[in-house]
Amino acid sequence: MIDDCTALILAGGDSRRMGRDKTALQLGGQSLLQRTIELMRALFPAVLLSVRQPLGGLDAGIVQVCDGIPDAGPLAGLCAGLRRAATPWIFAVATDMPYLRPETVLRLAARCGAHQAVVPIVAGHPQPLAAFYAASALPAFQSALDGAENRSLRAALAALDVCHVDEHSLRDVDADLQSFVDLDTPEDLARARRYFGERAP
């Protein structure tokens, strides 16, 4: 358990390429959202769900936080989550990352230290929606949310003290870096169903 951190599940995306709400997609008899909630509960003492509008049918123990600015992307969700969290850190994760491994999250958590963010780099690209953010990152994120036209999370990170974790530091716990694969299209979902079906207990 990572006691000084709250999990923030980002579930407010528009799912354009998938063509339907990703949170309700079924994988292994569960929705993608429920799978993510269960993984986060196993790792963190508190879980927040970032949404555009409150979702029904969820466990009463899941606190939902709504974006302060509509259609502002993940930066709005991060700001809302950082304001609500009662811990020094949050771990932000997209709801469509079913391959995420607990060992990967723990490896990233070990790098937090005195930084304001811990962001993995995979194939040369930062992965800001499987990353840790300190409470002290909120002012920079809020400034970017209020002032930038494109409200880019990656641009906002430039204002922070970020510990970038390269893929070589992660491969011993996730050899193929599957943790960072998300489901954007129906084809991605089909591959995930085959993957988990082949390995189902």
Protein backbone atom coordinates (compact mmCIF):
# COMPACT_ATOMS: atom_id res chain seq x y z
CA MET A 1 0.00 0.00 0.00
CA ILE A 2 1.32 3.45 -0.97
CA ASP A 3 0.04 5.33 2.06
CA ASP A 4 0.97 8.92 1.15
CA CYS A 5 -0.86 8.89 -2.17
CA THR A 6 -4.39 8.95 -3.58
CA ALA A 7 -5.24 7.26 -6.87
CA LEU A 8 -6.96 9.50 -9.38
CA ILE A 9 -8.69 7.59 -12.17
CA LEU A 10 -9.32 9.79 -15.20
CA ALA A 11 -12.62 8.71 -16.74
CA GLY A 12 -13.74 11.85 -18.54
CA GLY A 13 -12.40 11.21 -22.04
CA ASP A 14 -14.61 11.46 -25.10
CA SER A 15 -13.77 7.98 -26.50
CA ARG A 16 -14.04 9.22 -30.08
CA ARG A 17 -11.88 6.53 -31.68
CA MET A 18 -13.54 3.76 -29.68
CA GLY A 19 -17.00 5.01 -30.65
CA ARG A 20 -18.53 4.37 -27.22
CA ASP A 21 -17.89 5.03 -23.55
CA LYS A 22 -14.69 3.24 -22.59
CA THR A 23 -15.51 3.04 -18.90
CA ALA A 24 -18.34 0.58 -19.55
CA LEU A 25 -16.45 -1.69 -21.96
CA GLN A 26 -16.31 -5.27 -20.70
CA LEU A 27 -13.06 -7.16 -20.25
CA GLY A 28 -12.85 -10.42 -18.32
CA GLY A 29 -16.38 -10.01 -16.99
CA GLN A 30 -15.75 -6.52 -15.62
CA SER A 31 -15.94 -3.02 -17.00
CA LEU A 32 -12.65 -1.27 -17.68
CA LEU A 33 -13.56 1.19 -14.96
CA GLN A 34 -14.21 -1.49 -12.34
CA ARG A 35 -10.93 -3.26 -13.21
CA THR A 36 -9.06 0.00 -12.70
CA ILE A 37 -10.85 0.78 -9.44
CA GLU A 38 -9.97 -2.65 -8.03
CA LEU A 39 -6.30 -2.31 -8.96
CA MET A 40 -6.07 1.17 -7.45
CA ARG A 41 -7.80 0.07 -4.24
CA ALA A 42 -5.19 -2.66 -3.84
CA LEU A 43 -2.40 -0.09 -4.05
CA PHE A 44 -3.70 3.13 -2.47
CA PRO A 45 -5.71 4.02 0.65
CA ALA A 46 -8.03 6.36 -1.26
CA VAL A 47 -9.39 6.48 -4.80
CA LEU A 48 -10.88 9.45 -6.64
CA LEU A 49 -12.67 9.29 -9.97
CA SER A 50 -12.31 12.25 -12.32
CA VAL A 51 -15.41 12.66 -14.49
CA ARG A 52 -17.14 15.25 -16.64
CA GLN A 53 -20.46 14.42 -14.98
CA PRO A 54 -21.18 12.10 -12.03
CA LEU A 55 -21.55 8.45 -12.99
CA GLY A 56 -24.28 6.27 -11.55
CA GLY A 57 -24.10 2.69 -10.35
CA LEU A 58 -20.75 2.96 -8.59
CA ASP A 59 -19.69 1.83 -5.14
CA ALA A 60 -20.60 4.52 -2.62
CA GLY A 61 -16.98 4.54 -1.45
CA ILE A 62 -15.77 5.99 -4.74
CA VAL A 63 -15.56 9.78 -4.55
CA GLN A 64 -16.21 11.47 -7.88
CA VAL A 65 -14.71 14.84 -8.75
CA CYS A 66 -16.02 16.81 -11.71
CA ASP A 67 -13.87 18.92 -14.01
CA GLY A 68 -14.00 22.61 -13.14
CA ILE A 69 -13.79 23.56 -16.82
CA PRO A 70 -15.76 21.48 -19.35
CA ASP A 71 -13.92 19.88 -22.27
CA ALA A 72 -10.51 20.97 -20.95
CA GLY A 73 -8.90 17.54 -21.14
CA PRO A 74 -6.89 15.69 -18.50
CA LEU A 75 -5.40 18.89 -17.09
CA ALA A 76 -8.84 19.81 -15.69
CA GLY A 77 -9.16 16.37 -14.13
CA LEU A 78 -5.74 16.59 -12.54
CA CYS A 79 -6.50 19.99 -11.04
CA ALA A 80 -9.79 18.76 -9.61
CA GLY A 81 -8.13 15.66 -8.20
CA LEU A 82 -5.21 17.52 -6.65
CA ARG A 83 -7.61 19.95 -4.97
CA ARG A 84 -9.67 17.11 -3.51
CA ALA A 85 -6.93 14.68 -2.45
CA ALA A 86 -5.94 14.70 1.22
CA THR A 87 -2.51 13.12 0.56
CA PRO A 88 0.81 14.69 -0.51
CA TRP A 89 0.73 12.78 -3.81
CA ILE A 90 -1.71 11.50 -6.39
CA PHE A 91 -1.20 8.75 -8.95
CA ALA A 92 -3.05 9.64 -12.14
CA VAL A 93 -4.15 6.78 -14.35
CA ALA A 94 -6.41 6.59 -17.38
CA THR A 95 -9.28 4.15 -17.12
CA ASP A 96 -8.37 2.43 -20.40
CA MET A 97 -5.03 0.89 -19.34
CA PRO A 98 -5.97 -2.70 -18.45
CA TYR A 99 -2.42 -4.07 -18.63
CA LEU A 100 -1.09 -1.81 -15.86
CA ARG A 101 0.92 -3.87 -13.38
CA PRO A 102 1.13 -3.18 -9.65
CA GLU A 103 4.90 -3.70 -9.82
CA THR A 104 5.18 -0.88 -12.36
CA VAL A 105 3.26 1.50 -10.13
CA LEU A 106 5.41 0.57 -7.13
CA ARG A 107 8.60 1.11 -9.13
CA LEU A 108 7.45 4.62 -10.10
CA ALA A 109 6.38 5.37 -6.51
CA ALA A 110 9.90 4.62 -5.29
CA ARG A 111 11.18 7.56 -7.35
CA CYS A 112 8.93 10.28 -5.90
CA GLY A 113 11.36 11.75 -3.35
CA ALA A 114 11.53 15.54 -3.46
CA HIS A 115 10.25 15.90 -7.02
CA GLN A 116 6.90 17.34 -8.07
CA ALA A 117 6.15 14.62 -10.61
CA VAL A 118 7.34 11.17 -11.60
CA VAL A 119 6.62 10.48 -15.25
CA PRO A 120 7.68 7.37 -17.19
CA ILE A 121 9.17 7.72 -20.66
CA VAL A 122 8.31 4.94 -23.11
CA ALA A 123 9.62 4.85 -26.69
CA GLY A 124 10.77 8.43 -26.20
CA HIS A 125 7.34 9.71 -25.15
CA PRO A 126 6.23 10.79 -21.65
CA GLN A 127 3.30 8.90 -20.16
CA PRO A 128 1.57 11.58 -18.06
CA LEU A 129 -1.55 9.48 -17.41
CA ALA A 130 0.34 6.77 -15.56
CA ALA A 131 2.32 9.11 -13.36
CA PHE A 132 2.70 10.55 -9.87
CA TYR A 133 2.05 14.22 -9.06
CA ALA A 134 2.77 16.07 -5.82
CA ALA A 135 0.25 18.45 -4.27
CA SER A 136 2.73 21.24 -4.98
CA ALA A 137 2.11 20.75 -8.73
CA LEU A 138 -1.39 22.20 -8.47
CA PRO A 139 -0.48 25.91 -8.93
CA ALA A 140 1.45 25.20 -12.13
CA PHE A 141 -1.31 22.99 -13.49
CA GLN A 142 -4.00 25.50 -12.58
CA SER A 143 -2.04 28.30 -14.25
CA ALA A 144 -1.74 26.22 -17.42
CA LEU A 145 -5.43 25.38 -17.28
CA ASP A 146 -6.43 29.02 -16.87
CA GLY A 147 -4.05 30.55 -19.37
CA ALA A 148 -3.23 28.16 -22.19
CA GLU A 149 -5.43 27.80 -25.22
CA ASN A 150 -4.57 24.17 -25.87
CA ARG A 151 -4.31 23.26 -22.17
CA SER A 152 -1.54 20.76 -22.81
CA LEU A 153 -0.60 18.59 -19.86
CA ARG A 154 2.80 17.90 -21.36
CA ALA A 155 3.47 21.63 -21.70
CA ALA A 156 2.39 22.18 -18.09
CA LEU A 157 4.93 19.60 -16.94
CA ALA A 158 7.69 21.91 -18.18
CA ALA A 159 7.00 24.14 -15.18
CA LEU A 160 7.60 21.33 -12.67
CA ASP A 161 10.53 19.46 -11.18
CA VAL A 162 9.93 16.16 -12.95
CA CYS A 163 11.69 12.86 -12.39
CA HIS A 164 11.55 11.09 -15.76
CA VAL A 165 11.82 7.31 -15.45
CA ASP A 166 13.21 5.72 -18.59
CA GLU A 167 11.94 2.40 -19.87
CA HIS A 168 15.17 0.60 -19.01
CA SER A 169 14.37 1.22 -15.33
CA LEU A 170 11.01 -0.49 -15.75
CA ARG A 171 11.67 -3.52 -17.93
CA ASP A 172 12.65 -5.81 -15.07
CA VAL A 173 9.09 -5.48 -13.69
CA ASP A 174 7.33 -5.11 -17.05
CA ALA A 175 9.48 -6.58 -19.81
CA ASP A 176 7.27 -5.50 -22.72
CA LEU A 177 6.08 -2.26 -21.06
CA GLN A 178 2.50 -3.45 -21.49
CA SER A 179 1.49 -1.28 -18.54
CA PHE A 180 1.47 1.76 -20.79
CA VAL A 181 -0.72 0.36 -23.56
CA ASP A 182 -4.15 1.97 -23.66
CA LEU A 183 -7.29 0.98 -25.54
CA ASP A 184 -8.18 3.58 -28.15
CA THR A 185 -9.99 1.57 -30.83
CA PRO A 186 -12.26 -1.48 -31.14
CA GLU A 187 -9.23 -3.36 -32.47
CA ASP A 188 -7.31 -2.54 -29.28
CA LEU A 189 -10.21 -3.90 -27.24
CA ALA A 190 -10.35 -7.08 -29.29
CA ARG A 191 -6.62 -7.65 -28.73
CA ALA A 192 -7.05 -7.11 -25.00
CA ARG A 193 -9.89 -9.61 -24.86
CA ARG A 194 -7.75 -12.20 -26.63
CA TYR A 195 -4.83 -11.44 -24.35
CA PHE A 196 -6.76 -11.85 -21.12
CA GLY A 197 -8.80 -14.74 -22.47
CA GLU A 198 -5.66 -16.72 -23.20
CA ARG A 199 -4.34 -16.08 -19.71
CA ALA A 200 -7.55 -16.35 -17.74
CA PRO A 201 -7.24 -18.64 -14.69
